[in-house]
Amino acid sequence: DTIISSLTCMCRPFTFNVIGKLAKPYFEDDIDKLIACVCDKHQSKASFQKQIEVDEQEFLVALAEGRVKNYYQPIVDTKSGALVGYEALARWMHPIYGLLLPYVFLPIVEKCGLSPELFDTVFSNAIQDIKLHGIKHSISLNVAQDNLEDALFSDRFLARCSENNIDPKTFTIEITERESYSSNVNLYKN
């Protein structure tokens, strides 16, 4: 129990949402109960949520003021159970609505062509978190296709790593699922 409490405290600076504790040995039923509890909480919150109305200007201000933060989802080796890295997930800390998930702001990003700005924000946050919190594992960063089509993307990426004394191998660049899916759909249409 001391180890679990210590790990819970260690997660707080990384803004992990600790949903429960599982002590070894744990069983599939224990995991199912934990997931059911989270789902129940999410369902009850969802039924009382008010309509979220945000606009492009609000999101631009949020980017400029540093209110788009990274949340880190652990990536775990399924065979060994060992932590192998994190995926950086963008979240908008809205002054009225609180924590907003990407489904709220990604339509704004796409409509206004803000993919480079969003990537830069998530990348900057990751660099800062590595320096402040000493993250030792790799970090996956989602990138939209239009970012990768920018001829200077890789040069800027490598320069930022160099400026901050961070090995570029620390990062894994992942094309967003939406982009990957739409690319595959286009391939099949032709």
Protein backbone atom coordinates (compact mmCIF):
# COMPACT_ATOMS: atom_id res chain seq x y z
CA ASP A 1 0.00 0.00 0.00
CA THR A 2 2.94 2.35 0.65
CA ILE A 3 4.26 1.76 -2.87
CA ILE A 4 0.85 2.40 -4.43
CA SER A 5 0.44 5.61 -2.41
CA SER A 6 3.91 6.73 -3.46
CA LEU A 7 3.13 6.08 -7.11
CA THR A 8 -0.13 8.00 -6.78
CA CYS A 9 1.82 10.99 -5.41
CA MET A 10 4.40 10.68 -8.19
CA CYS A 11 1.64 10.90 -10.82
CA ARG A 12 0.21 14.19 -9.54
CA PRO A 13 2.81 16.50 -11.15
CA PHE A 14 2.17 14.81 -14.50
CA THR A 15 -1.56 15.55 -14.23
CA PHE A 16 -2.42 11.87 -14.50
CA ASN A 17 -5.96 11.11 -13.53
CA VAL A 18 -5.60 8.31 -10.98
CA ILE A 19 -8.80 6.31 -11.22
CA GLY A 20 -8.06 3.67 -8.62
CA LYS A 21 -5.53 1.31 -7.13
CA LEU A 22 -4.82 -2.32 -7.91
CA ALA A 23 -2.56 -4.31 -5.65
CA LYS A 24 -0.86 -7.48 -6.88
CA PRO A 25 -2.06 -10.04 -7.39
CA TYR A 26 -5.05 -8.60 -9.22
CA PHE A 27 -7.56 -10.40 -11.33
CA GLU A 28 -9.54 -9.63 -14.45
CA ASP A 29 -12.64 -8.98 -12.31
CA ASP A 30 -10.73 -6.28 -10.40
CA ILE A 31 -9.90 -4.50 -13.66
CA ASP A 32 -13.49 -4.87 -14.90
CA LYS A 33 -14.82 -3.30 -11.68
CA LEU A 34 -12.38 -0.39 -11.97
CA ILE A 35 -13.34 0.24 -15.60
CA ALA A 36 -17.06 -0.03 -14.75
CA CYS A 37 -16.62 2.54 -11.98
CA VAL A 38 -14.93 4.96 -14.38
CA CYS A 39 -17.63 4.38 -17.01
CA ASP A 40 -20.38 4.98 -14.42
CA LYS A 41 -18.76 8.26 -13.34
CA HIS A 42 -18.35 9.33 -16.96
CA GLN A 43 -21.97 8.45 -17.79
CA SER A 44 -23.35 10.42 -14.85
CA LYS A 45 -21.20 13.45 -15.72
CA ALA A 46 -22.20 13.26 -19.37
CA SER A 47 -25.90 13.38 -18.58
CA PHE A 48 -25.55 16.65 -16.65
CA GLN A 49 -23.12 18.48 -18.92
CA LYS A 50 -24.23 21.74 -20.42
CA GLN A 51 -23.77 22.63 -24.06
CA ILE A 52 -20.19 23.67 -24.77
CA GLU A 53 -19.98 26.66 -27.07
CA VAL A 54 -16.50 27.83 -28.04
CA ASP A 55 -15.19 29.72 -31.02
CA GLU A 56 -11.99 30.10 -33.01
CA GLN A 57 -10.91 33.27 -31.21
CA GLU A 58 -11.18 31.60 -27.81
CA PHE A 59 -8.99 28.73 -28.95
CA LEU A 60 -6.38 31.06 -30.46
CA VAL A 61 -6.22 32.94 -27.14
CA ALA A 62 -5.94 29.62 -25.26
CA LEU A 63 -2.97 28.60 -27.44
CA ALA A 64 -1.30 31.99 -26.93
CA GLU A 65 -1.88 31.98 -23.16
CA GLY A 66 -0.63 28.42 -22.63
CA ARG A 67 -4.00 26.97 -21.65
CA VAL A 68 -3.56 23.98 -23.95
CA LYS A 69 -1.76 21.44 -21.78
CA ASN A 70 -0.41 17.94 -22.24
CA TYR A 71 -1.86 14.95 -20.49
CA TYR A 72 0.27 11.83 -20.73
CA GLN A 73 -1.25 8.45 -21.43
CA PRO A 74 1.10 5.63 -20.42
CA ILE A 75 2.16 3.18 -23.11
CA VAL A 76 2.68 -0.26 -21.59
CA ASP A 77 4.28 -3.36 -23.05
CA THR A 78 1.46 -5.91 -23.10
CA LYS A 79 3.75 -8.87 -22.50
CA SER A 80 5.86 -7.57 -19.63
CA GLY A 81 3.54 -4.89 -18.26
CA ALA A 82 6.48 -2.46 -18.25
CA LEU A 83 6.02 1.21 -18.95
CA VAL A 84 7.68 1.96 -22.31
CA GLY A 85 6.57 5.52 -22.95
CA TYR A 86 3.79 8.06 -23.02
CA GLU A 87 1.47 9.54 -25.59
CA ALA A 88 1.07 13.30 -25.26
CA LEU A 89 -2.60 14.23 -25.43
CA ALA A 90 -3.70 17.87 -25.81
CA ARG A 91 -6.31 19.19 -23.39
CA TRP A 92 -7.75 22.71 -23.26
CA MET A 93 -8.06 24.22 -19.79
CA HIS A 94 -11.10 26.43 -20.39
CA PRO A 95 -11.91 29.11 -17.78
CA ILE A 96 -15.66 28.33 -17.85
CA TYR A 97 -16.01 24.70 -18.98
CA GLY A 98 -12.90 23.29 -17.34
CA LEU A 99 -10.97 20.50 -19.07
CA LEU A 100 -12.00 20.20 -22.73
CA LEU A 101 -11.18 17.13 -24.80
CA PRO A 102 -10.06 17.25 -28.44
CA TYR A 103 -13.51 16.54 -29.85
CA VAL A 104 -14.40 20.11 -28.79
CA PHE A 105 -11.40 21.91 -30.30
CA LEU A 106 -10.20 19.72 -33.18
CA PRO A 107 -12.96 20.99 -35.48
CA ILE A 108 -11.59 24.51 -34.85
CA VAL A 109 -8.03 23.31 -35.52
CA GLU A 110 -9.09 21.73 -38.82
CA LYS A 111 -11.34 24.61 -39.92
CA CYS A 112 -8.70 27.27 -39.21
CA GLY A 113 -5.62 25.31 -40.30
CA LEU A 114 -4.11 25.38 -36.80
CA SER A 115 -2.46 21.94 -36.91
CA PRO A 116 1.07 23.42 -36.92
CA GLU A 117 0.27 25.64 -33.93
CA LEU A 118 -1.31 22.78 -31.99
CA PHE A 119 1.66 20.49 -32.72
CA ASP A 120 4.09 23.23 -31.69
CA THR A 121 2.21 23.72 -28.41
CA VAL A 122 2.16 19.99 -27.57
CA PHE A 123 5.82 19.65 -28.58
CA SER A 124 6.82 22.68 -26.46
CA ASN A 125 4.86 21.31 -23.49
CA ALA A 126 6.62 17.94 -23.87
CA ILE A 127 10.04 19.59 -23.97
CA GLN A 128 9.20 21.58 -20.85
CA ASP A 129 7.88 18.48 -19.06
CA ILE A 130 11.01 16.52 -19.94
CA LYS A 131 13.19 19.29 -18.54
CA LEU A 132 11.10 20.00 -15.41
CA HIS A 133 10.03 16.46 -14.50
CA GLY A 134 12.89 14.42 -15.94
CA ILE A 135 10.70 12.15 -18.07
CA LYS A 136 12.97 9.30 -19.15
CA HIS A 137 10.66 7.37 -21.46
CA SER A 138 9.77 8.14 -25.05
CA ILE A 139 6.90 10.47 -25.85
CA SER A 140 4.59 9.98 -28.81
CA LEU A 141 3.38 13.15 -30.49
CA ASN A 142 0.39 13.17 -32.83
CA VAL A 143 0.92 15.11 -36.03
CA ALA A 144 -1.51 15.94 -38.82
CA GLN A 145 -0.66 15.24 -42.44
CA ASP A 146 -0.42 18.94 -43.33
CA ASN A 147 2.36 19.34 -40.75
CA LEU A 148 4.35 16.57 -42.42
CA GLU A 149 3.81 18.13 -45.84
CA ASP A 150 5.66 21.24 -44.63
CA ALA A 151 9.18 20.93 -46.08
CA LEU A 152 10.71 22.55 -42.99
CA PHE A 153 8.89 20.43 -40.41
CA SER A 154 11.75 18.01 -39.75
CA ASP A 155 14.38 20.78 -39.73
CA ARG A 156 12.42 22.77 -37.12
CA PHE A 157 11.76 19.62 -35.08
CA LEU A 158 15.45 18.65 -35.02
CA ALA A 159 16.52 22.24 -34.27
CA ARG A 160 14.17 22.42 -31.25
CA CYS A 161 15.54 19.11 -29.95
CA SER A 162 19.10 20.37 -30.39
CA GLU A 163 18.37 23.74 -28.72
CA ASN A 164 16.99 21.90 -25.69
CA ASN A 165 19.65 19.15 -25.56
CA ILE A 166 17.04 16.44 -26.10
CA ASP A 167 17.76 13.42 -28.25
CA PRO A 168 15.22 13.39 -31.12
CA LYS A 169 14.86 9.64 -30.52
CA THR A 170 12.99 10.61 -27.35
CA PHE A 171 9.98 11.33 -29.55
CA THR A 172 7.83 9.17 -31.75
CA ILE A 173 5.91 11.07 -34.39
CA GLU A 174 2.51 9.48 -35.05
CA ILE A 175 0.22 10.49 -37.87
CA THR A 176 -3.24 11.15 -36.47
CA GLU A 177 -5.79 8.38 -36.84
CA ARG A 178 -8.18 10.62 -38.77
CA GLU A 179 -5.45 11.47 -41.30
CA SER A 180 -4.39 7.86 -41.61
CA TYR A 181 -7.97 6.73 -42.14
CA SER A 182 -8.75 9.40 -44.73
CA SER A 183 -5.50 8.61 -46.60
CA ASN A 184 -6.51 4.95 -46.78
CA VAL A 185 -10.00 5.86 -47.95
CA ASN A 186 -8.54 8.03 -50.71
CA LEU A 187 -6.29 5.19 -51.82
CA TYR A 188 -9.26 2.90 -52.21
CA LYS A 189 -11.33 5.49 -54.08
CA ASN A 190 -8.73 5.93 -56.85
